[in-house]
PDB file of N, CA and C in Angstrom:
ATOM      1  N   MET A   1       4.331  -7.300  14.823  1.00  0.00           N
ATOM      2  CA  MET A   1       4.451  -7.420  13.375  1.00  0.00           C
ATOM      3  C   MET A   1       3.050  -7.404  12.770  1.00  0.00           C
ATOM      4  N   PRO A   2       2.794  -6.516  11.831  1.00  0.00           N
ATOM      5  CA  PRO A   2       1.484  -6.467  11.161  1.00  0.00           C
ATOM      6  C   PRO A   2       1.235  -7.744  10.358  1.00  0.00           C
ATOM      7  N   ASP A   3      -0.042  -8.102  10.222  1.00  0.00           N
ATOM      8  CA  ASP A   3      -0.399  -9.268   9.424  1.00  0.00           C
ATOM      9  C   ASP A   3      -1.501  -8.904   8.429  1.00  0.00           C
ATOM     10  N   ALA A   4      -1.984  -9.910   7.707  1.00  0.00           N
ATOM     11  CA  ALA A   4      -2.979  -9.679   6.657  1.00  0.00           C
ATOM     12  C   ALA A   4      -4.253  -9.049   7.213  1.00  0.00           C
ATOM     13  N   GLU A   5      -4.658  -9.425   8.394  1.00  0.00           N
ATOM     14  CA  GLU A   5      -5.866  -8.834   8.982  1.00  0.00           C
ATOM     15  C   GLU A   5      -5.658  -7.354   9.302  1.00  0.00           C
ATOM     16  N   ASP A   6      -4.445  -6.986   9.711  1.00  0.00           N
ATOM     17  CA  ASP A   6      -4.131  -5.565   9.929  1.00  0.00           C
ATOM     18  C   ASP A   6      -4.213  -4.800   8.608  1.00  0.00           C
ATOM     19  N   VAL A   7      -3.690  -5.406   7.549  1.00  0.00           N
ATOM     20  CA  VAL A   7      -3.763  -4.772   6.227  1.00  0.00           C
ATOM     21  C   VAL A   7      -5.215  -4.529   5.863  1.00  0.00           C
ATOM     22  N   ARG A   8      -6.020  -5.555   6.006  1.00  0.00           N
ATOM     23  CA  ARG A   8      -7.444  -5.461   5.651  1.00  0.00           C
ATOM     24  C   ARG A   8      -8.136  -4.382   6.492  1.00  0.00           C
ATOM     25  N   ARG A   9      -7.935  -4.397   7.790  1.00  0.00           N
ATOM     26  CA  ARG A   9      -8.592  -3.444   8.696  1.00  0.00           C
ATOM     27  C   ARG A   9      -8.193  -2.004   8.368  1.00  0.00           C
ATOM     28  N   ILE A  10      -6.893  -1.771   8.189  1.00  0.00           N
ATOM     29  CA  ILE A  10      -6.409  -0.413   7.917  1.00  0.00           C
ATOM     30  C   ILE A  10      -6.868   0.050   6.535  1.00  0.00           C
ATOM     31  N   ALA A  11      -6.699  -0.806   5.534  1.00  0.00           N
ATOM     32  CA  ALA A  11      -7.099  -0.416   4.172  1.00  0.00           C
ATOM     33  C   ALA A  11      -8.587  -0.076   4.125  1.00  0.00           C
ATOM     34  N   LEU A  12      -9.415  -0.898   4.744  1.00  0.00           N
ATOM     35  CA  LEU A  12     -10.858  -0.660   4.697  1.00  0.00           C
ATOM     36  C   LEU A  12     -11.289   0.523   5.546  1.00  0.00           C
ATOM     37  N   SER A  13     -10.404   1.013   6.424  1.00  0.00           N
ATOM     38  CA  SER A  13     -10.730   2.201   7.214  1.00  0.00           C
ATOM     39  C   SER A  13     -10.514   3.495   6.418  1.00  0.00           C
ATOM     40  N   LEU A  14      -9.836   3.398   5.286  1.00  0.00           N
ATOM     41  CA  LEU A  14      -9.589   4.567   4.448  1.00  0.00           C
ATOM     42  C   LEU A  14     -10.861   4.896   3.655  1.00  0.00           C
ATOM     43  N   PRO A  15     -11.165   6.168   3.468  1.00  0.00           N
ATOM     44  CA  PRO A  15     -12.415   6.568   2.820  1.00  0.00           C
ATOM     45  C   PRO A  15     -12.647   5.936   1.446  1.00  0.00           C
ATOM     46  N   ASP A  16     -13.895   5.513   1.237  1.00  0.00           N
ATOM     47  CA  ASP A  16     -14.363   4.991  -0.041  1.00  0.00           C
ATOM     48  C   ASP A  16     -13.566   3.784  -0.529  1.00  0.00           C
ATOM     49  N   THR A  17     -13.062   2.976   0.416  1.00  0.00           N
ATOM     50  CA  THR A  17     -12.267   1.798   0.072  1.00  0.00           C
ATOM     51  C   THR A  17     -13.128   0.546   0.127  1.00  0.00           C
ATOM     52  N   THR A  18     -12.926  -0.312  -0.856  1.00  0.00           N
ATOM     53  CA  THR A  18     -13.600  -1.607  -0.898  1.00  0.00           C
ATOM     54  C   THR A  18     -12.563  -2.697  -1.126  1.00  0.00           C
ATOM     55  N   GLU A  19     -12.942  -3.912  -0.776  1.00  0.00           N
ATOM     56  CA  GLU A  19     -12.092  -5.073  -1.031  1.00  0.00           C
ATOM     57  C   GLU A  19     -12.728  -5.890  -2.143  1.00  0.00           C
ATOM     58  N   LYS A  20     -11.900  -6.365  -3.063  1.00  0.00           N
ATOM     59  CA  LYS A  20     -12.388  -7.177  -4.172  1.00  0.00           C
ATOM     60  C   LYS A  20     -11.348  -8.248  -4.474  1.00  0.00           C
ATOM     61  N   ILE A  21     -11.786  -9.471  -4.693  1.00  0.00           N
ATOM     62  CA  ILE A  21     -10.868 -10.534  -5.096  1.00  0.00           C
ATOM     63  C   ILE A  21     -10.596 -10.391  -6.590  1.00  0.00           C
ATOM     64  N   ALA A  22      -9.331 -10.339  -6.944  1.00  0.00           N
ATOM     65  CA  ALA A  22      -8.901 -10.284  -8.342  1.00  0.00           C
ATOM     66  C   ALA A  22      -7.605 -11.079  -8.447  1.00  0.00           C
ATOM     67  N   TRP A  23      -7.435 -11.809  -9.517  1.00  0.00           N
ATOM     68  CA  TRP A  23      -6.248 -12.664  -9.687  1.00  0.00           C
ATOM     69  C   TRP A  23      -6.072 -13.584  -8.484  1.00  0.00           C
ATOM     70  N   SER A  24      -7.170 -14.046  -7.914  1.00  0.00           N
ATOM     71  CA  SER A  24      -7.193 -14.971  -6.762  1.00  0.00           C
ATOM     72  C   SER A  24      -6.573 -14.385  -5.504  1.00  0.00           C
ATOM     73  N   MET A  25      -6.596 -13.056  -5.367  1.00  0.00           N
ATOM     74  CA  MET A  25      -6.061 -12.434  -4.154  1.00  0.00           C
ATOM     75  C   MET A  25      -6.910 -11.230  -3.773  1.00  0.00           C
ATOM     76  N   PRO A  26      -6.873 -10.864  -2.492  1.00  0.00           N
ATOM     77  CA  PRO A  26      -7.582  -9.661  -2.069  1.00  0.00           C
ATOM     78  C   PRO A  26      -6.912  -8.412  -2.651  1.00  0.00           C
ATOM     79  N   THR A  27      -7.737  -7.509  -3.174  1.00  0.00           N
ATOM     80  CA  THR A  27      -7.240  -6.210  -3.633  1.00  0.00           C
ATOM     81  C   THR A  27      -8.079  -5.147  -2.950  1.00  0.00           C
ATOM     82  N   PHE A  28      -7.485  -3.990  -2.738  1.00  0.00           N
ATOM     83  CA  PHE A  28      -8.166  -2.884  -2.080  1.00  0.00           C
ATOM     84  C   PHE A  28      -8.199  -1.713  -3.045  1.00  0.00           C
ATOM     85  N   ARG A  29      -9.388  -1.103  -3.158  1.00  0.00           N
ATOM     86  CA  ARG A  29      -9.620  -0.077  -4.168  1.00  0.00           C
ATOM     87  C   ARG A  29     -10.280   1.136  -3.547  1.00  0.00           C
ATOM     88  N   VAL A  30      -9.857   2.298  -4.000  1.00  0.00           N
ATOM     89  CA  VAL A  30     -10.494   3.551  -3.604  1.00  0.00           C
ATOM     90  C   VAL A  30     -11.234   4.066  -4.824  1.00  0.00           C
ATOM     91  N   ALA A  31     -12.522   4.282  -4.644  1.00  0.00           N
ATOM     92  CA  ALA A  31     -13.371   4.732  -5.751  1.00  0.00           C
ATOM     93  C   ALA A  31     -13.169   3.842  -6.983  1.00  0.00           C
ATOM     94  N   GLY A  32     -12.983   2.543  -6.752  1.00  0.00           N
ATOM     95  CA  GLY A  32     -12.830   1.577  -7.828  1.00  0.00           C
ATOM     96  C   GLY A  32     -11.427   1.403  -8.370  1.00  0.00           C
ATOM     97  N   LYS A  33     -10.465   2.203  -7.919  1.00  0.00           N
ATOM     98  CA  LYS A  33      -9.089   2.150  -8.434  1.00  0.00           C
ATOM     99  C   LYS A  33      -8.187   1.444  -7.417  1.00  0.00           C
ATOM    100  N   MET A  34      -7.486   0.417  -7.864  1.00  0.00           N
ATOM    101  CA  MET A  34      -6.681  -0.415  -6.972  1.00  0.00           C
ATOM    102  C   MET A  34      -5.494   0.360  -6.393  1.00  0.00           C
ATOM    103  N   PHE A  35      -5.287   0.200  -5.056  1.00  0.00           N
ATOM    104  CA  PHE A  35      -4.128   0.817  -4.418  1.00  0.00           C
ATOM    105  C   PHE A  35      -3.317  -0.162  -3.579  1.00  0.00           C
ATOM    106  N   ALA A  36      -3.821  -1.368  -3.335  1.00  0.00           N
ATOM    107  CA  ALA A  36      -3.056  -2.351  -2.570  1.00  0.00           C
ATOM    108  C   ALA A  36      -3.580  -3.751  -2.859  1.00  0.00           C
ATOM    109  N   THR A  37      -2.672  -4.725  -2.764  1.00  0.00           N
ATOM    110  CA  THR A  37      -3.054  -6.134  -2.880  1.00  0.00           C
ATOM    111  C   THR A  37      -2.349  -6.930  -1.791  1.00  0.00           C
ATOM    112  N   LEU A  38      -2.919  -8.081  -1.496  1.00  0.00           N
ATOM    113  CA  LEU A  38      -2.308  -9.052  -0.578  1.00  0.00           C
ATOM    114  C   LEU A  38      -1.958 -10.288  -1.407  1.00  0.00           C
ATOM    115  N   PRO A  39      -0.797 -10.284  -2.061  1.00  0.00           N
ATOM    116  CA  PRO A  39      -0.447 -11.385  -2.961  1.00  0.00           C
ATOM    117  C   PRO A  39      -0.108 -12.693  -2.242  1.00  0.00           C
ATOM    118  N   GLU A  40      -0.131 -13.764  -3.039  1.00  0.00           N
ATOM    119  CA  GLU A  40       0.307 -15.096  -2.656  1.00  0.00           C
ATOM    120  C   GLU A  40      -0.171 -15.515  -1.270  1.00  0.00           C
ATOM    121  N   ASP A  41       0.763 -15.707  -0.355  1.00  0.00           N
ATOM    122  CA  ASP A  41       0.423 -16.245   0.968  1.00  0.00           C
ATOM    123  C   ASP A  41       0.117 -15.159   2.001  1.00  0.00           C
ATOM    124  N   GLU A  42      -0.137 -13.959   1.546  1.00  0.00           N
ATOM    125  CA  GLU A  42      -0.520 -12.827   2.391  1.00  0.00           C
ATOM    126  C   GLU A  42       0.544 -12.452   3.436  1.00  0.00           C
ATOM    127  N   THR A  43       1.816 -12.640   3.076  1.00  0.00           N
ATOM    128  CA  THR A  43       2.913 -12.223   3.957  1.00  0.00           C
ATOM    129  C   THR A  43       3.539 -10.914   3.486  1.00  0.00           C
ATOM    130  N   SER A  44       3.011 -10.381   2.389  1.00  0.00           N
ATOM    131  CA  SER A  44       3.506  -9.109   1.859  1.00  0.00           C
ATOM    132  C   SER A  44       2.321  -8.341   1.303  1.00  0.00           C
ATOM    133  N   ILE A  45       2.576  -7.074   0.983  1.00  0.00           N
ATOM    134  CA  ILE A  45       1.583  -6.273   0.281  1.00  0.00           C
ATOM    135  C   ILE A  45       2.247  -5.671  -0.946  1.00  0.00           C
ATOM    136  N   ALA A  46       1.438  -5.403  -1.942  1.00  0.00           N
ATOM    137  CA  ALA A  46       1.890  -4.643  -3.108  1.00  0.00           C
ATOM    138  C   ALA A  46       1.126  -3.329  -3.065  1.00  0.00           C
ATOM    139  N   VAL A  47       1.852  -2.226  -3.222  1.00  0.00           N
ATOM    140  CA  VAL A  47       1.249  -0.897  -3.150  1.00  0.00           C
ATOM    141  C   VAL A  47       1.792  -0.010  -4.266  1.00  0.00           C
ATOM    142  N   ARG A  48       1.040   1.029  -4.575  1.00  0.00           N
ATOM    143  CA  ARG A  48       1.487   2.011  -5.560  1.00  0.00           C
ATOM    144  C   ARG A  48       2.691   2.773  -5.008  1.00  0.00           C
ATOM    145  N   CYS A  49       3.639   3.051  -5.892  1.00  0.00           N
ATOM    146  CA  CYS A  49       4.815   3.818  -5.492  1.00  0.00           C
ATOM    147  C   CYS A  49       5.482   4.345  -6.754  1.00  0.00           C
ATOM    148  N   PRO A  50       5.677   5.668  -6.859  1.00  0.00           N
ATOM    149  CA  PRO A  50       6.365   6.197  -8.044  1.00  0.00           C
ATOM    150  C   PRO A  50       7.691   5.474  -8.254  1.00  0.00           C
ATOM    151  N   LYS A  51       8.021   5.189  -9.500  1.00  0.00           N
ATOM    152  CA  LYS A  51       9.202   4.377  -9.794  1.00  0.00           C
ATOM    153  C   LYS A  51      10.482   4.931  -9.181  1.00  0.00           C
ATOM    154  N   GLU A  52      10.666   6.258  -9.192  1.00  0.00           N
ATOM    155  CA  GLU A  52      11.886   6.841  -8.628  1.00  0.00           C
ATOM    156  C   GLU A  52      11.975   6.543  -7.120  1.00  0.00           C
ATOM    157  N   GLU A  53      10.867   6.728  -6.425  1.00  0.00           N
ATOM    158  CA  GLU A  53      10.834   6.453  -4.987  1.00  0.00           C
ATOM    159  C   GLU A  53      10.968   4.953  -4.722  1.00  0.00           C
ATOM    160  N   ARG A  54      10.332   4.167  -5.545  1.00  0.00           N
ATOM    161  CA  ARG A  54      10.367   2.717  -5.392  1.00  0.00           C
ATOM    162  C   ARG A  54      11.799   2.204  -5.459  1.00  0.00           C
ATOM    163  N   ASP A  55      12.536   2.648  -6.462  1.00  0.00           N
ATOM    164  CA  ASP A  55      13.916   2.185  -6.621  1.00  0.00           C
ATOM    165  C   ASP A  55      14.765   2.599  -5.423  1.00  0.00           C
ATOM    166  N   GLU A  56      14.514   3.797  -4.929  1.00  0.00           N
ATOM    167  CA  GLU A  56      15.226   4.291  -3.742  1.00  0.00           C
ATOM    168  C   GLU A  56      14.901   3.439  -2.512  1.00  0.00           C
ATOM    169  N   LEU A  57      13.633   3.123  -2.328  1.00  0.00           N
ATOM    170  CA  LEU A  57      13.207   2.287  -1.199  1.00  0.00           C
ATOM    171  C   LEU A  57      13.882   0.920  -1.236  1.00  0.00           C
ATOM    172  N   VAL A  58      13.878   0.312  -2.403  1.00  0.00           N
ATOM    173  CA  VAL A  58      14.456  -1.024  -2.550  1.00  0.00           C
ATOM    174  C   VAL A  58      15.958  -1.000  -2.266  1.00  0.00           C
ATOM    175  N   ARG A  59      16.638   0.027  -2.743  1.00  0.00           N
ATOM    176  CA  ARG A  59      18.079   0.138  -2.478  1.00  0.00           C
ATOM    177  C   ARG A  59      18.357   0.378  -0.994  1.00  0.00           C
ATOM    178  N   ALA A  60      17.538   1.218  -0.364  1.00  0.00           N
ATOM    179  CA  ALA A  60      17.760   1.581   1.037  1.00  0.00           C
ATOM    180  C   ALA A  60      17.390   0.459   2.008  1.00  0.00           C
ATOM    181  N   GLU A  61      16.309  -0.275   1.697  1.00  0.00           N
ATOM    182  CA  GLU A  61      15.823  -1.303   2.621  1.00  0.00           C
ATOM    183  C   GLU A  61      15.410  -2.568   1.873  1.00  0.00           C
ATOM    184  N   PRO A  62      16.379  -3.282   1.284  1.00  0.00           N
ATOM    185  CA  PRO A  62      16.039  -4.465   0.478  1.00  0.00           C
ATOM    186  C   PRO A  62      15.416  -5.600   1.293  1.00  0.00           C
ATOM    187  N   GLU A  63      15.629  -5.604   2.591  1.00  0.00           N
ATOM    188  CA  GLU A  63      15.012  -6.634   3.426  1.00  0.00           C
ATOM    189  C   GLU A  63      13.524  -6.374   3.621  1.00  0.00           C
ATOM    190  N   LYS A  64      13.101  -5.153   3.354  1.00  0.00           N
ATOM    191  CA  LYS A  64      11.706  -4.751   3.549  1.00  0.00           C
ATOM    192  C   LYS A  64      10.955  -4.615   2.219  1.00  0.00           C
ATOM    193  N   PHE A  65      11.599  -4.023   1.206  1.00  0.00           N
ATOM    194  CA  PHE A  65      10.929  -3.718  -0.061  1.00  0.00           C
ATOM    195  C   PHE A  65      11.594  -4.439  -1.225  1.00  0.00           C
ATOM    196  N   TRP A  66      10.794  -4.838  -2.204  1.00  0.00           N
ATOM    197  CA  TRP A  66      11.325  -5.408  -3.440  1.00  0.00           C
ATOM    198  C   TRP A  66      10.309  -5.211  -4.557  1.00  0.00           C
ATOM    199  N   ILE A  67      10.792  -5.444  -5.770  1.00  0.00           N
ATOM    200  CA  ILE A  67       9.944  -5.281  -6.953  1.00  0.00           C
ATOM    201  C   ILE A  67       9.718  -6.667  -7.555  1.00  0.00           C
ATOM    202  N   ALA A  68       8.459  -7.063  -7.636  1.00  0.00           N
ATOM    203  CA  ALA A  68       8.125  -8.337  -8.271  1.00  0.00           C
ATOM    204  C   ALA A  68       8.360  -8.202  -9.781  1.00  0.00           C
ATOM    205  N   GLY A  69       8.906  -9.230 -10.385  1.00  0.00           N
ATOM    206  CA  GLY A  69       9.256  -9.190 -11.802  1.00  0.00           C
ATOM    207  C   GLY A  69       8.124  -8.736 -12.704  1.00  0.00           C
ATOM    208  N   HIS A  70       6.921  -9.258 -12.483  1.00  0.00           N
ATOM    209  CA  HIS A  70       5.799  -8.901 -13.361  1.00  0.00           C
ATOM    210  C   HIS A  70       5.253  -7.502 -13.087  1.00  0.00           C
ATOM    211  N   GLU A  71       5.747  -6.831 -12.036  1.00  0.00           N
ATOM    212  CA  GLU A  71       5.313  -5.473 -11.721  1.00  0.00           C
ATOM    213  C   GLU A  71       6.382  -4.429 -12.042  1.00  0.00           C
ATOM    214  N   ALA A  72       7.518  -4.859 -12.572  1.00  0.00           N
ATOM    215  CA  ALA A  72       8.661  -3.965 -12.783  1.00  0.00           C
ATOM    216  C   ALA A  72       8.332  -2.761 -13.667  1.00  0.00           C
ATOM    217  N   GLN A  73       7.487  -2.942 -14.670  1.00  0.00           N
ATOM    218  CA  GLN A  73       7.183  -1.816 -15.555  1.00  0.00           C
ATOM    219  C   GLN A  73       6.109  -0.899 -14.987  1.00  0.00           C
ATOM    220  N   PHE A  74       5.518  -1.284 -13.871  1.00  0.00           N
ATOM    221  CA  PHE A  74       4.464  -0.482 -13.251  1.00  0.00           C
ATOM    222  C   PHE A  74       4.991   0.210 -11.998  1.00  0.00           C
ATOM    223  N   ALA A  75       4.273   1.206 -11.538  1.00  0.00           N
ATOM    224  CA  ALA A  75       4.686   1.961 -10.343  1.00  0.00           C
ATOM    225  C   ALA A  75       4.135   1.292  -9.084  1.00  0.00           C
ATOM    226  N   TRP A  76       4.616   0.069  -8.822  1.00  0.00           N
ATOM    227  CA  TRP A  76       4.219  -0.717  -7.655  1.00  0.00           C
ATOM    228  C   TRP A  76       5.467  -1.253  -6.967  1.00  0.00           C
ATOM    229  N   VAL A  77       5.362  -1.444  -5.662  1.00  0.00           N
ATOM    230  CA  VAL A  77       6.452  -2.032  -4.882  1.00  0.00           C
ATOM    231  C   VAL A  77       5.830  -3.018  -3.896  1.00  0.00           C
ATOM    232  N   ARG A  78       6.590  -4.015  -3.506  1.00  0.00           N
ATOM    233  CA  ARG A  78       6.149  -4.984  -2.493  1.00  0.00           C
ATOM    234  C   ARG A  78       6.822  -4.645  -1.167  1.00  0.00           C
ATOM    235  N   ALA A  79       6.103  -4.917  -0.072  1.00  0.00           N
ATOM    236  CA  ALA A  79       6.652  -4.745   1.277  1.00  0.00           C
ATOM    237  C   ALA A  79       6.365  -6.003   2.077  1.00  0.00           C
ATOM    238  N   ARG A  80       7.407  -6.547   2.707  1.00  0.00           N
ATOM    239  CA  ARG A  80       7.257  -7.722   3.564  1.00  0.00           C
ATOM    240  C   ARG A  80       6.642  -7.293   4.896  1.00  0.00           C
ATOM    241  N   LEU A  81       5.503  -7.873   5.239  1.00  0.00           N
ATOM    242  CA  LEU A  81       4.835  -7.494   6.483  1.00  0.00           C
ATOM    243  C   LEU A  81       5.718  -7.749   7.698  1.00  0.00           C
ATOM    244  N   ALA A  82       6.453  -8.850   7.716  1.00  0.00           N
ATOM    245  CA  ALA A  82       7.298  -9.185   8.862  1.00  0.00           C
ATOM    246  C   ALA A  82       8.429  -8.180   9.065  1.00  0.00           C
ATOM    247  N   ALA A  83       8.786  -7.448   8.032  1.00  0.00           N
ATOM    248  CA  ALA A  83       9.891  -6.489   8.130  1.00  0.00           C
ATOM    249  C   ALA A  83       9.425  -5.090   8.537  1.00  0.00           C
ATOM    250  N   LEU A  84       8.121  -4.857   8.548  1.00  0.00           N
ATOM    251  CA  LEU A  84       7.626  -3.535   8.923  1.00  0.00           C
ATOM    252  C   LEU A  84       7.794  -3.309  10.416  1.00  0.00           C
ATOM    253  N   GLU A  85       8.105  -2.076  10.778  1.00  0.00           N
ATOM    254  CA  GLU A  85       8.361  -1.748  12.181  1.00  0.00           C
ATOM    255  C   GLU A  85       7.140  -1.966  13.058  1.00  0.00           C
ATOM    256  N   ASP A  86       5.990  -1.489  12.587  1.00  0.00           N
ATOM    257  CA  ASP A  86       4.776  -1.584  13.390  1.00  0.00           C
ATOM    258  C   ASP A  86       3.565  -1.246  12.543  1.00  0.00           C
ATOM    259  N   GLU A  87       2.421  -1.227  13.192  1.00  0.00           N
ATOM    260  CA  GLU A  87       1.173  -0.919  12.503  1.00  0.00           C
ATOM    261  C   GLU A  87       1.178   0.515  11.951  1.00  0.00           C
ATOM    262  N   GLY A  88       1.862   1.420  12.616  1.00  0.00           N
ATOM    263  CA  GLY A  88       1.955   2.800  12.135  1.00  0.00           C
ATOM    264  C   GLY A  88       2.642   2.879  10.785  1.00  0.00           C
ATOM    265  N   GLU A  89       3.710   2.112  10.610  1.00  0.00           N
ATOM    266  CA  GLU A  89       4.399   2.113   9.314  1.00  0.00           C
ATOM    267  C   GLU A  89       3.490   1.520   8.237  1.00  0.00           C
ATOM    268  N   LEU A  90       2.774   0.456   8.573  1.00  0.00           N
ATOM    269  CA  LEU A  90       1.824  -0.134   7.626  1.00  0.00           C
ATOM    270  C   LEU A  90       0.760   0.889   7.234  1.00  0.00           C
ATOM    271  N   ARG A  91       0.226   1.612   8.217  1.00  0.00           N
ATOM    272  CA  ARG A  91      -0.792   2.627   7.943  1.00  0.00           C
ATOM    273  C   ARG A  91      -0.231   3.706   7.011  1.00  0.00           C
ATOM    274  N   ASP A  92       1.001   4.160   7.255  1.00  0.00           N
ATOM    275  CA  ASP A  92       1.619   5.184   6.400  1.00  0.00           C
ATOM    276  C   ASP A  92       1.767   4.692   4.957  1.00  0.00           C
ATOM    277  N   ILE A  93       2.200   3.448   4.797  1.00  0.00           N
ATOM    278  CA  ILE A  93       2.395   2.873   3.461  1.00  0.00           C
ATOM    279  C   ILE A  93       1.061   2.774   2.725  1.00  0.00           C
ATOM    280  N   LEU A  94       0.039   2.254   3.413  1.00  0.00           N
ATOM    281  CA  LEU A  94      -1.273   2.109   2.777  1.00  0.00           C
ATOM    282  C   LEU A  94      -1.899   3.462   2.463  1.00  0.00           C
ATOM    283  N   ALA A  95      -1.782   4.410   3.385  1.00  0.00           N
ATOM    284  CA  ALA A  95      -2.361   5.738   3.155  1.00  0.00           C
ATOM    285  C   ALA A  95      -1.663   6.437   1.993  1.00  0.00           C
ATOM    286  N   ASP A  96      -0.347   6.275   1.875  1.00  0.00           N
ATOM    287  CA  ASP A  96       0.379   6.885   0.763  1.00  0.00           C
ATOM    288  C   ASP A  96      -0.104   6.297  -0.567  1.00  0.00           C
ATOM    289  N   SER A  97      -0.277   4.997  -0.609  1.00  0.00           N
ATOM    290  CA  SER A  97      -0.755   4.354  -1.824  1.00  0.00           C
ATOM    291  C   SER A  97      -2.193   4.783  -2.120  1.00  0.00           C
ATOM    292  N   TRP A  98      -3.017   4.887  -1.074  1.00  0.00           N
ATOM    293  CA  TRP A  98      -4.398   5.352  -1.228  1.00  0.00           C
ATOM    294  C   TRP A  98      -4.428   6.735  -1.875  1.00  0.00           C
ATOM    295  N   ARG A  99      -3.568   7.644  -1.381  1.00  0.00           N
ATOM    296  CA  ARG A  99      -3.523   9.013  -1.934  1.00  0.00           C
ATOM    297  C   ARG A  99      -3.181   9.012  -3.424  1.00  0.00           C
ATOM    298  N   GLN A 100      -2.338   8.074  -3.844  1.00  0.00           N
ATOM    299  CA  GLN A 100      -1.951   8.022  -5.257  1.00  0.00           C
ATOM    300  C   GLN A 100      -3.086   7.556  -6.162  1.00  0.00           C
ATOM    301  N   ALA A 101      -4.030   6.812  -5.593  1.00  0.00           N
ATOM    302  CA  ALA A 101      -5.135   6.281  -6.392  1.00  0.00           C
ATOM    303  C   ALA A 101      -6.437   7.061  -6.212  1.00  0.00           C
ATOM    304  N   ALA A 102      -6.554   7.794  -5.110  1.00  0.00           N
ATOM    305  CA  ALA A 102      -7.808   8.482  -4.786  1.00  0.00           C
ATOM    306  C   ALA A 102      -8.118   9.609  -5.777  1.00  0.00           C
ATOM    307  N   PRO A 103      -9.392   9.790  -6.069  1.00  0.00           N
ATOM    308  CA  PRO A 103      -9.780  10.899  -6.950  1.00  0.00           C
ATOM    309  C   PRO A 103      -9.650  12.237  -6.218  1.00  0.00           C
ATOM    310  N   PRO A 104      -9.553  13.325  -6.963  1.00  0.00           N
ATOM    311  CA  PRO A 104      -9.391  14.652  -6.357  1.00  0.00           C
ATOM    312  C   PRO A 104     -10.435  14.983  -5.286  1.00  0.00           C
ATOM    313  N   ARG A 105     -11.681  14.559  -5.482  1.00  0.00           N
ATOM    314  CA  ARG A 105     -12.722  14.881  -4.496  1.00  0.00           C
ATOM    315  C   ARG A 105     -12.387  14.303  -3.117  1.00  0.00           C
ATOM    316  N   LEU A 106     -11.787  13.110  -3.076  1.00  0.00           N
ATOM    317  CA  LEU A 106     -11.410  12.518  -1.795  1.00  0.00           C
ATOM    318  C   LEU A 106     -10.144  13.156  -1.239  1.00  0.00           C
ATOM    319  N   LEU A 107      -9.198  13.465  -2.116  1.00  0.00           N
ATOM    320  CA  LEU A 107      -7.982  14.142  -1.660  1.00  0.00           C
ATOM    321  C   LEU A 107      -8.335  15.498  -1.058  1.00  0.00           C
ATOM    322  N   ASP A 108      -9.283  16.194  -1.670  1.00  0.00           N
ATOM    323  CA  ASP A 108      -9.718  17.493  -1.153  1.00  0.00           C
ATOM    324  C   ASP A 108     -10.448  17.333   0.183  1.00  0.00           C
ATOM    325  N   ALA A 109     -11.225  16.273   0.307  1.00  0.00           N
ATOM    326  CA  ALA A 109     -12.003  16.047   1.521  1.00  0.00           C
ATOM    327  C   ALA A 109     -11.136  15.575   2.694  1.00  0.00           C
ATOM    328  N   TYR A 110     -10.012  14.920   2.403  1.00  0.00           N
ATOM    329  CA  TYR A 110      -9.132  14.363   3.441  1.00  0.00           C
ATOM    330  C   TYR A 110      -7.679  14.782   3.188  1.00  0.00           C
ATOM    331  N   PRO A 111      -7.374  16.073   3.189  1.00  0.00           N
ATOM    332  CA  PRO A 111      -6.020  16.522   2.830  1.00  0.00           C
ATOM    333  C   PRO A 111      -4.934  16.021   3.779  1.00  0.00           C
ATOM    334  N   GLU A 112      -5.287  15.788   5.018  1.00  0.00           N
ATOM    335  CA  GLU A 112      -4.289  15.359   6.005  1.00  0.00           C
ATOM    336  C   GLU A 112      -4.157  13.848   6.105  1.00  0.00           C
ATOM    337  N   LEU A 113      -4.991  13.113   5.416  1.00  0.00           N
ATOM    338  CA  LEU A 113      -5.041  11.667   5.591  1.00  0.00           C
ATOM    339  C   LEU A 113      -3.694  10.991   5.310  1.00  0.00           C
ATOM    340  N   GLY A 114      -3.194  10.350   6.315  1.00  0.00           N
ATOM    341  CA  GLY A 114      -2.007   9.538   6.148  1.00  0.00           C
ATOM    342  C   GLY A 114      -0.698  10.285   6.029  1.00  0.00           C
ATOM    343  N   LEU A 115      -0.706  11.580   6.157  1.00  0.00           N
ATOM    344  CA  LEU A 115       0.564  12.290   6.056  1.00  0.00           C
ATOM    345  C   LEU A 115       1.434  11.908   7.238  1.00  0.00           C
ATOM    346  N   PRO A 116       2.710  11.629   7.001  1.00  0.00           N
ATOM    347  CA  PRO A 116       3.603  11.254   8.105  1.00  0.00           C
ATOM    348  C   PRO A 116       3.633  12.325   9.185  1.00  0.00           C
ATOM    349  N   ALA A 117       3.719  11.879  10.414  1.00  0.00           N
ATOM    350  CA  ALA A 117       3.779  12.819  11.540  1.00  0.00           C
ATOM    351  C   ALA A 117       5.080  13.604  11.482  1.00  0.00           C
ATOM    352  N   ALA A 118       5.005  14.882  11.813  1.00  0.00           N
ATOM    353  CA  ALA A 118       6.202  15.722  11.843  1.00  0.00           C
ATOM    354  C   ALA A 118       7.047  15.322  13.052  1.00  0.00           C
ATOM    355  N   ASP A 119       8.334  15.229  12.835  1.00  0.00           N
ATOM    356  CA  ASP A 119       9.247  14.851  13.954  1.00  0.00           C
ATOM    357  C   ASP A 119       9.625  16.041  14.772  1.00  0.00           C
TER     358      ASP A 119
END
């Protein structure tokens, strides 16, 4: 089961990522733009997710994903670390959120970054 240190290690391994404390919690930013947080007791993460996909995720896997009330109007979703399959799933989630926040220069430089493996 991934934990907060796994989140930190994976997030900081993504290009141009920094960690900054905001709202009394660790946040991870690419080129200054936030793409992940470790809220409350660091047992979950909040990540960017288009609202349509977010709603689908929550319906499909409510034990894993949910929407925090104060984030409902934003394109963010929460994921319970204990419910994630493994570190690979955590990496995919963080990389997807990173891609949504990264500037074009980084997307161009790392086009394959975090894309799910073909089955």
